[in-house]
Amino acid sequence: MKFVPRTPSRLAAGVMSLVCVTCLTGFPVLVGGSGRGLVQAQEVEFGLGPEPGDAWKGKDVTTAYVEALTLAEEHYAGPIDHERLCDAAATGMLRTLDPHSNFFTREEFNEFRSQQQANYSGIGSLITQHGNKVYIWSPIADTPAYRAGLRYGDEIIAVDGESTEGWDVSKVRSRLRGLRSTAVTVTVNRPGESSPITVRIVRDSVGQPSVSNVFMLTPEVGYLAFRRGFAQASGEEVAAAVRQLKVQGAKAIVFDQRDNPGGLVDAARAIAELFLQRGQKIVSIRGGRHAV
């Protein structure tokens, strides 16, 4: 029996000026007993039967799925990748619910959890995939990757001497991250260079601040860029940034969340409380028997 993670969906948040409106929907959703705790992910086992004491209504659907899989196994001209089929079936099922329900593979789930931490151990660079190649997107200032001289546009062709041909961005990321003070060798093709460049990088702790920029637009209007997700420390970071702007004379704040990927509902609630009046409803969560 295969175990796969199911997580809350990405947070849909839109904020202009001083108003912060946040919501999170997904399948399933688990929160603390008070209804205000940290959203948790749940790892569940795919089974073919009802839970004890429940009236099971999915028997016909499950039977149809098993029949389809059996027909594929009997008639498909080639080997069956069962894991890929199951992942595709789960993804397709959730797409029929609403745009906020997502299915994560184990690798995607691990990356999701990593993004909620204040820091991680690695080389300190954003990477991106274009076609079947993975590139350095942006080395973070004062990190091992930055000090090693990696640049935007460097194509990662090998990690620790092993070719990255056929690797996706998740596999490259997992190989670049590791325990602090351990070393990794990265080989890149750089535009304008006739031969590959190889650098040895010692991994270190890399910060992932949620607030990427804070400054005054005018003598009375501040600007706060919040584009890196709702993580565990996001509430404290935003509160500190708001205090900084107020000290500088801000009477209004542009709260920029463009491209923010979302994250933890508890962090969203803490940020919303900075802007809304006491007693206002911030967020409600529904998820059948999974909501508590």
Protein backbone atom coordinates (compact mmCIF):
# COMPACT_ATOMS: atom_id res chain seq x y z
CA MET A 1 0.00 0.00 0.00
CA LYS A 2 1.41 3.38 -0.97
CA PHE A 3 1.56 6.32 1.42
CA VAL A 4 1.38 9.78 -0.11
CA PRO A 5 1.02 13.20 1.51
CA ARG A 6 -2.09 15.34 1.18
CA THR A 7 -1.72 18.95 2.17
CA PRO A 8 -3.79 22.09 2.45
CA SER A 9 -3.90 24.07 -0.74
CA ARG A 10 -1.96 27.22 -1.46
CA LEU A 11 -3.21 30.31 0.33
CA ALA A 12 -5.19 32.77 -1.75
CA ALA A 13 -4.38 36.22 -0.38
CA GLY A 14 -4.92 39.65 -1.84
CA VAL A 15 -4.07 42.82 0.00
CA MET A 16 -4.08 46.43 -1.17
CA SER A 17 -3.16 49.37 1.06
CA LEU A 18 -4.06 48.71 4.70
CA VAL A 19 -6.61 45.91 4.16
CA CYS A 20 -5.50 42.30 4.42
CA VAL A 21 -7.96 39.62 3.37
CA THR A 22 -6.88 36.01 3.58
CA CYS A 23 -8.46 32.65 3.03
CA LEU A 24 -7.35 29.08 2.66
CA THR A 25 -9.31 26.20 1.29
CA GLY A 26 -8.23 22.72 0.50
CA PHE A 27 -8.64 19.04 1.01
CA PRO A 28 -8.15 17.99 3.71
CA VAL A 29 -7.65 20.80 6.23
CA LEU A 30 -6.62 20.19 9.83
CA VAL A 31 -6.30 22.96 12.39
CA GLY A 32 -5.72 23.10 16.11
CA GLY A 33 -8.54 22.42 18.53
CA SER A 34 -9.24 26.12 18.95
CA GLY A 35 -9.70 26.58 15.20
CA ARG A 36 -6.79 29.03 15.18
CA GLY A 37 -3.81 26.68 15.21
CA LEU A 38 -1.22 25.89 12.61
CA VAL A 39 -2.56 24.22 9.49
CA GLN A 40 -1.16 20.71 9.39
CA ALA A 41 -0.58 18.38 6.49
CA GLN A 42 -1.87 14.86 6.77
CA GLU A 43 -0.20 11.76 5.37
CA VAL A 44 -2.83 9.18 4.48
CA GLU A 45 -2.98 5.69 3.10
CA PHE A 46 -4.90 5.00 -0.08
CA GLY A 47 -7.30 2.18 0.74
CA LEU A 48 -10.22 0.54 -1.03
CA GLY A 49 -12.65 0.20 1.84
CA PRO A 50 -14.71 2.32 4.24
CA GLU A 51 -13.51 3.63 7.53
CA PRO A 52 -14.92 1.74 10.53
CA GLY A 53 -18.45 2.86 11.40
CA ASP A 54 -18.89 4.93 8.22
CA ALA A 55 -21.41 4.37 5.45
CA TRP A 56 -19.17 4.12 2.42
CA LYS A 57 -20.53 5.77 -0.70
CA GLY A 58 -17.52 5.44 -3.01
CA LYS A 59 -17.69 1.74 -3.83
CA ASP A 60 -18.96 2.21 -7.39
CA VAL A 61 -16.34 4.84 -8.13
CA THR A 62 -13.55 2.71 -6.71
CA THR A 63 -14.74 -0.31 -8.67
CA ALA A 64 -14.68 1.71 -11.89
CA TYR A 65 -11.14 2.92 -11.11
CA VAL A 66 -9.90 -0.63 -10.46
CA GLU A 67 -11.54 -1.85 -13.68
CA ALA A 68 -9.88 0.95 -15.68
CA LEU A 69 -6.50 0.14 -14.17
CA THR A 70 -6.99 -3.56 -14.89
CA LEU A 71 -7.85 -2.85 -18.52
CA ALA A 72 -4.75 -0.68 -18.85
CA GLU A 73 -2.57 -3.43 -17.42
CA GLU A 74 -4.04 -6.02 -19.78
CA HIS A 75 -4.08 -4.04 -23.02
CA TYR A 76 -1.51 -1.23 -22.84
CA ALA A 77 1.44 -1.86 -25.15
CA GLY A 78 4.18 -1.38 -22.59
CA PRO A 79 4.95 -1.36 -18.87
CA ILE A 80 2.56 0.48 -16.54
CA ASP A 81 3.91 3.19 -14.24
CA HIS A 82 1.42 2.68 -11.40
CA GLU A 83 2.72 5.55 -9.28
CA ARG A 84 2.38 8.00 -12.15
CA LEU A 85 -1.16 6.78 -12.91
CA CYS A 86 -2.24 7.12 -9.28
CA ASP A 87 -0.74 10.62 -9.02
CA ALA A 88 -2.52 11.68 -12.23
CA ALA A 89 -5.82 10.23 -11.01
CA ALA A 90 -5.58 12.09 -7.69
CA THR A 91 -4.67 15.34 -9.45
CA GLY A 92 -7.56 15.03 -11.88
CA MET A 93 -10.00 14.24 -9.08
CA LEU A 94 -9.05 17.30 -7.05
CA ARG A 95 -9.32 19.58 -10.10
CA THR A 96 -13.06 18.82 -10.20
CA LEU A 97 -13.51 20.21 -6.66
CA ASP A 98 -12.25 23.80 -6.76
CA PRO A 99 -9.14 25.71 -7.89
CA HIS A 100 -7.67 25.66 -4.38
CA SER A 101 -7.42 21.88 -3.93
CA ASN A 102 -4.03 20.43 -4.82
CA PHE A 103 -2.25 17.08 -4.74
CA PHE A 104 1.44 17.01 -3.86
CA THR A 105 3.85 14.17 -4.53
CA ARG A 106 6.15 13.24 -1.67
CA GLU A 107 8.95 15.38 -3.13
CA GLU A 108 6.62 18.36 -3.61
CA PHE A 109 5.29 17.93 -0.08
CA ASN A 110 8.80 17.96 1.38
CA GLU A 111 9.54 21.15 -0.56
CA PHE A 112 6.26 22.68 0.67
CA ARG A 113 7.25 21.99 4.28
CA SER A 114 10.75 23.35 3.69
CA GLN A 115 9.29 26.64 2.41
CA GLN A 116 7.47 27.14 5.71
CA GLN A 117 10.72 27.16 7.68
CA ALA A 118 12.65 30.34 8.43
CA ASN A 119 15.81 28.79 6.98
CA TYR A 120 17.22 25.68 5.36
CA SER A 121 20.65 24.18 4.74
CA GLY A 122 21.95 24.38 1.18
CA ILE A 123 23.96 26.48 -1.27
CA GLY A 124 21.63 29.49 -1.25
CA SER A 125 20.32 29.99 -4.77
CA LEU A 126 16.97 30.00 -6.53
CA ILE A 127 16.94 27.56 -9.44
CA THR A 128 14.50 27.13 -12.30
CA GLN A 129 13.70 24.60 -15.01
CA HIS A 130 13.35 25.48 -18.67
CA GLY A 131 12.57 22.57 -20.95
CA ASN A 132 14.64 19.64 -19.70
CA LYS A 133 17.43 21.80 -18.26
CA VAL A 134 17.88 23.39 -14.83
CA TYR A 135 19.44 26.82 -14.39
CA ILE A 136 20.65 29.12 -11.65
CA TRP A 137 18.00 31.83 -11.35
CA SER A 138 19.28 34.03 -8.55
CA PRO A 139 22.02 33.37 -5.99
CA ILE A 140 20.97 34.87 -2.64
CA ALA A 141 23.34 37.56 -1.39
CA ASP A 142 25.98 36.48 1.12
CA THR A 143 25.35 32.75 0.69
CA PRO A 144 27.70 29.93 -0.42
CA ALA A 145 26.37 30.03 -4.00
CA TYR A 146 26.85 33.80 -4.17
CA ARG A 147 30.39 33.60 -2.80
CA ALA A 148 31.25 30.74 -5.18
CA GLY A 149 30.45 33.00 -8.13
CA LEU A 150 27.38 31.24 -9.53
CA ARG A 151 25.37 33.54 -11.79
CA TYR A 152 21.95 33.93 -13.35
CA GLY A 153 21.77 31.75 -16.46
CA ASP A 154 24.32 29.12 -15.39
CA GLU A 155 23.06 25.73 -16.58
CA ILE A 156 23.60 23.04 -13.94
CA ILE A 157 25.01 20.05 -15.85
CA ALA A 158 26.43 17.95 -12.99
CA VAL A 159 26.24 17.61 -9.21
CA ASP A 160 29.07 15.81 -7.42
CA GLY A 161 30.32 14.62 -10.78
CA GLU A 162 26.99 13.02 -11.75
CA SER A 163 25.31 14.30 -14.90
CA THR A 164 21.96 16.03 -14.36
CA GLU A 165 20.67 14.99 -17.77
CA GLY A 166 17.05 13.93 -17.35
CA TRP A 167 16.77 15.44 -13.85
CA ASP A 168 13.95 17.79 -13.01
CA VAL A 169 14.29 20.83 -10.77
CA SER A 170 13.11 18.89 -7.68
CA LYS A 171 15.88 16.31 -8.00
CA VAL A 172 18.54 18.97 -8.56
CA ARG A 173 17.27 20.91 -5.52
CA SER A 174 17.35 17.83 -3.30
CA ARG A 175 20.94 17.10 -4.29
CA LEU A 176 22.09 20.68 -3.70
CA ARG A 177 20.59 20.80 -0.23
CA GLY A 178 22.08 18.85 2.64
CA LEU A 179 23.58 19.06 6.09
CA ARG A 180 25.30 22.27 7.08
CA SER A 181 29.12 22.26 6.63
CA THR A 182 28.98 19.43 4.07
CA ALA A 183 30.35 20.05 0.59
CA VAL A 184 28.80 19.66 -2.85
CA THR A 185 30.48 20.05 -6.25
CA VAL A 186 28.46 21.88 -8.90
CA THR A 187 29.34 21.98 -12.60
CA VAL A 188 27.69 24.57 -14.84
CA ASN A 189 27.73 25.69 -18.44
CA ARG A 190 27.98 29.47 -18.58
CA PRO A 191 27.07 31.53 -21.65
CA GLY A 192 30.23 32.93 -23.22
CA GLU A 193 32.52 30.31 -21.65
CA SER A 194 34.07 27.65 -23.87
CA SER A 195 34.25 24.96 -21.18
CA PRO A 196 32.21 23.97 -18.11
CA ILE A 197 32.93 25.58 -14.74
CA THR A 198 33.13 23.42 -11.59
CA VAL A 199 32.96 24.88 -8.08
CA ARG A 200 33.07 23.23 -4.66
CA ILE A 201 30.51 24.74 -2.29
CA VAL A 202 30.19 24.16 1.44
CA ARG A 203 26.52 24.18 2.44
CA ASP A 204 25.36 26.61 5.10
CA SER A 205 22.16 27.81 6.75
CA VAL A 206 20.19 29.99 4.34
CA GLY A 207 17.53 32.37 5.58
CA GLN A 208 14.13 32.57 3.90
CA PRO A 209 12.62 35.86 5.06
CA SER A 210 9.01 36.50 4.05
CA VAL A 211 9.48 40.27 3.87
CA SER A 212 11.83 41.05 1.00
CA ASN A 213 11.75 44.88 1.03
CA VAL A 214 10.56 47.74 3.24
CA PHE A 215 10.84 51.49 2.52
CA MET A 216 8.91 54.78 2.38
CA LEU A 217 7.25 55.64 -0.94
CA THR A 218 6.34 59.15 0.19
CA PRO A 219 6.69 60.92 3.54
CA GLU A 220 3.38 59.35 4.63
CA VAL A 221 3.09 56.13 2.58
CA GLY A 222 5.21 53.06 3.27
CA TYR A 223 5.86 50.03 1.06
CA LEU A 224 6.16 46.43 2.29
CA ALA A 225 7.01 43.62 -0.15
CA PHE A 226 5.71 40.26 1.07
CA ARG A 227 6.33 37.77 -1.73
CA ARG A 228 7.99 34.70 -0.21
CA GLY A 229 5.12 32.83 1.38
CA PHE A 230 3.31 32.61 4.70
CA ALA A 231 5.87 30.83 6.89
CA GLN A 232 6.16 30.25 10.62
CA ALA A 233 7.89 33.55 11.33
CA SER A 234 5.94 35.66 8.81
CA GLY A 235 3.63 37.27 11.37
CA GLU A 236 6.55 38.53 13.46
CA GLU A 237 8.41 39.73 10.35
CA VAL A 238 5.47 41.72 9.02
CA ALA A 239 4.69 43.18 12.46
CA ALA A 240 8.31 44.36 12.77
CA ALA A 241 8.21 45.89 9.28
CA VAL A 242 4.95 47.72 10.05
CA ARG A 243 6.44 49.13 13.26
CA GLN A 244 9.50 50.28 11.29
CA LEU A 245 7.34 52.11 8.75
CA LYS A 246 5.22 53.74 11.45
CA VAL A 247 8.34 55.04 13.17
CA GLN A 248 9.33 56.59 9.83
CA GLY A 249 5.99 58.40 9.64
CA ALA A 250 3.82 56.03 7.57
CA LYS A 251 0.08 56.69 7.80
CA ALA A 252 -0.72 54.18 5.03
CA ILE A 253 1.07 51.09 3.77
CA VAL A 254 1.09 49.42 0.36
CA PHE A 255 1.26 45.70 1.20
CA ASP A 256 2.59 44.05 -1.97
CA GLN A 257 1.78 40.34 -2.23
CA ARG A 258 2.20 39.82 -5.96
CA ASP A 259 3.41 36.29 -6.76
CA ASN A 260 3.15 35.22 -3.11
CA PRO A 261 2.73 31.40 -3.20
CA GLY A 262 0.69 31.21 0.02
CA GLY A 263 1.40 29.00 3.02
CA LEU A 264 0.29 28.59 6.63
CA VAL A 265 -3.13 29.82 7.70
CA ASP A 266 -1.90 30.66 11.21
CA ALA A 267 0.63 33.08 9.74
CA ALA A 268 -2.09 34.62 7.54
CA ARG A 269 -4.32 35.09 10.58
CA ALA A 270 -1.52 36.78 12.53
CA ILE A 271 -0.86 39.19 9.66
CA ALA A 272 -4.55 39.92 9.12
CA GLU A 273 -4.90 40.83 12.81
CA LEU A 274 -2.43 43.68 12.24
CA PHE A 275 -4.87 45.39 9.87
CA LEU A 276 -8.41 44.39 10.82
CA GLN A 277 -10.55 45.57 13.70
CA ARG A 278 -10.90 43.36 16.76
CA GLY A 279 -13.85 40.99 16.41
CA GLN A 280 -13.86 40.91 12.60
CA LYS A 281 -14.06 37.48 11.02
CA ILE A 282 -10.76 36.68 9.32
CA VAL A 283 -11.06 33.15 7.95
CA SER A 284 -13.27 30.08 8.10
CA ILE A 285 -12.22 26.57 7.19
CA ARG A 286 -14.39 23.76 5.88
CA GLY A 287 -13.27 20.25 5.11
CA GLY A 288 -15.89 17.68 6.04
CA ARG A 289 -14.86 15.36 8.83
CA HIS A 290 -11.25 16.51 8.44
CA ALA A 291 -12.03 20.00 9.82
CA VAL A 292 -11.87 20.30 13.60
